Amino acid sequence: MKPGTEAESVKEMRLKNFKGDERGAALVEFAIGATLLCACIFGALEVGRLLWVHNSLVDATRRAARYAVNRDTGGAAQVAAKNMAVYGNAAGTGQPLVQNLTPGQVSLSYENFQLGGGSVTAEIVDYDFNFVLPLVSRNLRLPAYKTSLTGENAGYVPTDIP
């Protein structure tokens, strides 16, 4: 045997075996696929949670406007209407129905409001939606939510009916 021939043949065998070796390829493919699948699942969950918060904020403005249209325009009635939007009760007890919503984000405006006419508008402003995606901790400022109700029949009893 010639010196170096054996070493060269071992080297060639290793190179030959290395070219056809696919060990670990399935693990790499699984890692890529699992990452994409998890990203899609978490994204779908976050979109669903965002839609739930959106619907809850719309419902909160409806609750506040409905409560305010049947009360006077005094300060205590406005505080109670804001509590209805945030907590679901006029006393303002318990947990907020929507996470991170405060009575300070709810505003009420009255336009020519009186028994038999006018309107009440409830508005929620500056609400930040917090994403809980792994590795993404961003906030999304949601638009203002408004609900207006007329006071045309809010407890009005006509006096001209015989």
Protein backbone atom coordinates (compact mmCIF):
# COMPACT_ATOMS: atom_id res chain seq x y z
CA MET A 1 0.00 0.00 0.00
CA LYS A 2 1.11 3.43 -0.79
CA PRO A 3 1.27 5.90 2.05
CA GLY A 4 -1.63 8.36 1.98
CA THR A 5 -3.85 6.12 -0.10
CA GLU A 6 -5.72 4.78 2.88
CA ALA A 7 -6.24 8.27 4.26
CA GLU A 8 -7.54 9.48 0.92
CA SER A 9 -9.98 6.59 0.60
CA VAL A 10 -11.32 7.26 4.13
CA LYS A 11 -11.71 10.90 3.23
CA GLU A 12 -13.57 10.01 0.03
CA MET A 13 -15.86 7.63 1.94
CA ARG A 14 -16.71 10.30 4.48
CA LEU A 15 -17.41 12.84 1.73
CA LYS A 16 -19.52 10.29 -0.12
CA ASN A 17 -21.54 9.49 3.02
CA PHE A 18 -21.92 13.18 3.92
CA LYS A 19 -23.46 14.05 0.55
CA GLY A 20 -26.34 11.62 1.00
CA ASP A 21 -26.85 12.21 4.75
CA GLU A 22 -30.22 13.84 5.48
CA ARG A 23 -30.26 13.34 9.23
CA GLY A 24 -31.77 16.35 10.98
CA ALA A 25 -33.56 17.65 7.88
CA ALA A 26 -36.96 16.66 9.29
CA LEU A 27 -36.22 18.52 12.51
CA VAL A 28 -35.36 21.70 10.62
CA GLU A 29 -38.52 21.42 8.49
CA PHE A 30 -40.63 20.83 11.63
CA ALA A 31 -39.10 23.86 13.36
CA ILE A 32 -39.93 26.12 10.41
CA GLY A 33 -43.45 24.75 10.05
CA ALA A 34 -44.18 24.88 13.80
CA THR A 35 -43.01 28.49 13.99
CA LEU A 36 -45.33 29.51 11.18
CA LEU A 37 -48.23 27.53 12.63
CA CYS A 38 -47.80 29.07 16.09
CA ALA A 39 -47.58 32.57 14.59
CA CYS A 40 -50.85 32.00 12.70
CA ILE A 41 -52.61 30.61 15.77
CA PHE A 42 -51.49 33.46 18.04
CA GLY A 43 -52.43 35.99 15.35
CA ALA A 44 -55.92 34.54 15.03
CA LEU A 45 -56.36 34.61 18.81
CA GLU A 46 -55.27 38.26 18.97
CA VAL A 47 -57.64 39.28 16.17
CA GLY A 48 -60.46 37.50 18.00
CA ARG A 49 -59.59 39.29 21.24
CA LEU A 50 -59.42 42.63 19.40
CA LEU A 51 -62.91 42.07 17.98
CA TRP A 52 -64.21 41.16 21.45
CA VAL A 53 -62.78 44.40 22.90
CA HIS A 54 -64.26 46.38 19.99
CA ASN A 55 -67.73 44.94 20.60
CA SER A 56 -67.42 45.51 24.34
CA LEU A 57 -66.52 49.17 23.85
CA VAL A 58 -69.47 49.68 21.49
CA ASP A 59 -71.73 48.05 24.08
CA ALA A 60 -70.27 50.25 26.83
CA THR A 61 -71.17 53.45 24.97
CA ARG A 62 -74.69 52.11 24.40
CA ARG A 63 -75.08 51.36 28.11
CA ALA A 64 -73.92 54.84 29.10
CA ALA A 65 -76.15 56.61 26.56
CA ARG A 66 -79.17 54.49 27.51
CA TYR A 67 -78.65 55.26 31.19
CA ALA A 68 -78.00 58.99 30.62
CA VAL A 69 -81.02 59.53 28.37
CA ASN A 70 -83.32 58.48 31.23
CA ARG A 71 -81.67 60.71 33.88
CA ASP A 72 -81.11 64.40 34.39
CA THR A 73 -77.95 66.21 33.29
CA GLY A 74 -76.53 66.68 36.80
CA GLY A 75 -73.05 65.67 37.89
CA ALA A 76 -74.15 62.63 39.88
CA ALA A 77 -76.16 61.30 36.93
CA GLN A 78 -73.15 61.74 34.63
CA VAL A 79 -70.86 59.90 37.04
CA ALA A 80 -73.42 57.08 37.27
CA ALA A 81 -73.69 56.90 33.47
CA LYS A 82 -69.89 56.69 33.14
CA ASN A 83 -69.86 53.92 35.76
CA MET A 84 -72.50 52.08 33.73
CA ALA A 85 -70.15 52.16 30.74
CA VAL A 86 -67.11 50.96 32.66
CA TYR A 87 -68.45 48.68 35.40
CA GLY A 88 -71.97 47.79 34.23
CA ASN A 89 -73.53 49.31 37.34
CA ALA A 90 -74.25 52.87 38.45
CA ALA A 91 -72.38 52.51 41.75
CA GLY A 92 -69.07 51.84 40.01
CA THR A 93 -68.27 48.70 41.96
CA GLY A 94 -66.49 45.60 40.76
CA GLN A 95 -64.03 45.05 37.94
CA PRO A 96 -64.16 47.02 34.67
CA LEU A 97 -65.99 45.09 31.96
CA VAL A 98 -63.19 45.94 29.51
CA GLN A 99 -59.61 45.71 30.75
CA ASN A 100 -57.90 49.10 31.26
CA LEU A 101 -61.09 51.11 30.68
CA THR A 102 -61.58 53.95 33.19
CA PRO A 103 -64.44 56.42 33.76
CA GLY A 104 -62.04 59.20 32.70
CA GLN A 105 -62.11 57.82 29.15
CA VAL A 106 -65.91 58.13 28.95
CA SER A 107 -67.49 61.48 28.12
CA LEU A 108 -71.12 62.52 27.86
CA SER A 109 -72.45 65.43 25.85
CA TYR A 110 -75.97 66.77 25.88
CA GLU A 111 -77.46 68.66 22.94
CA ASN A 112 -80.67 70.58 23.67
CA PHE A 113 -81.50 67.83 26.13
CA GLN A 114 -84.77 68.06 27.96
CA LEU A 115 -87.83 65.98 28.49
CA GLY A 116 -89.37 65.65 25.09
CA GLY A 117 -86.32 66.51 22.98
CA GLY A 118 -82.58 66.73 22.45
CA SER A 119 -79.96 63.99 22.47
CA VAL A 120 -77.25 62.44 24.61
CA THR A 121 -73.95 61.24 23.17
CA ALA A 122 -71.67 58.86 25.05
CA GLU A 123 -68.10 58.59 23.80
CA ILE A 124 -65.07 56.48 24.76
CA VAL A 125 -61.71 57.95 23.72
CA ASP A 126 -58.01 57.07 24.08
CA TYR A 127 -58.42 53.34 24.63
CA ASP A 128 -55.24 51.35 24.03
CA PHE A 129 -55.51 47.69 23.07
CA ASN A 130 -52.59 45.72 24.49
CA PHE A 131 -51.35 42.81 22.42
CA VAL A 132 -50.23 39.75 24.37
CA LEU A 133 -48.39 38.06 21.52
CA PRO A 134 -45.07 36.54 22.54
CA LEU A 135 -42.16 38.80 21.59
CA VAL A 136 -44.56 41.57 20.52
CA SER A 137 -45.63 43.98 23.22
CA ARG A 138 -47.23 46.81 21.33
CA ASN A 139 -50.29 48.93 21.96
CA LEU A 140 -52.90 49.83 19.39
CA ARG A 141 -54.86 53.05 19.94
CA LEU A 142 -58.47 52.30 19.02
CA PRO A 143 -60.70 54.96 17.47
CA ALA A 144 -63.30 56.86 19.47
CA TYR A 145 -66.56 54.99 20.05
CA LYS A 146 -69.78 57.04 20.06
CA THR A 147 -73.44 56.33 20.65
CA SER A 148 -76.16 58.98 20.46
CA LEU A 149 -79.72 58.58 21.68
CA THR A 150 -82.58 61.04 21.43
CA GLY A 151 -84.47 62.17 24.48
CA GLU A 152 -87.72 62.68 22.66
CA ASN A 153 -89.67 60.19 24.75
CA ALA A 154 -87.44 59.72 27.76
CA GLY A 155 -90.05 59.90 30.49
CA TYR A 156 -92.04 62.60 28.72
CA VAL A 157 -95.74 62.53 29.42
CA PRO A 158 -97.70 64.93 27.21
CA THR A 159 -99.96 67.24 29.23
CA ASP A 160 -102.32 68.09 26.37
CA ILE A 161 -103.96 64.66 26.23
CA PRO A 162 -107.56 64.86 27.52
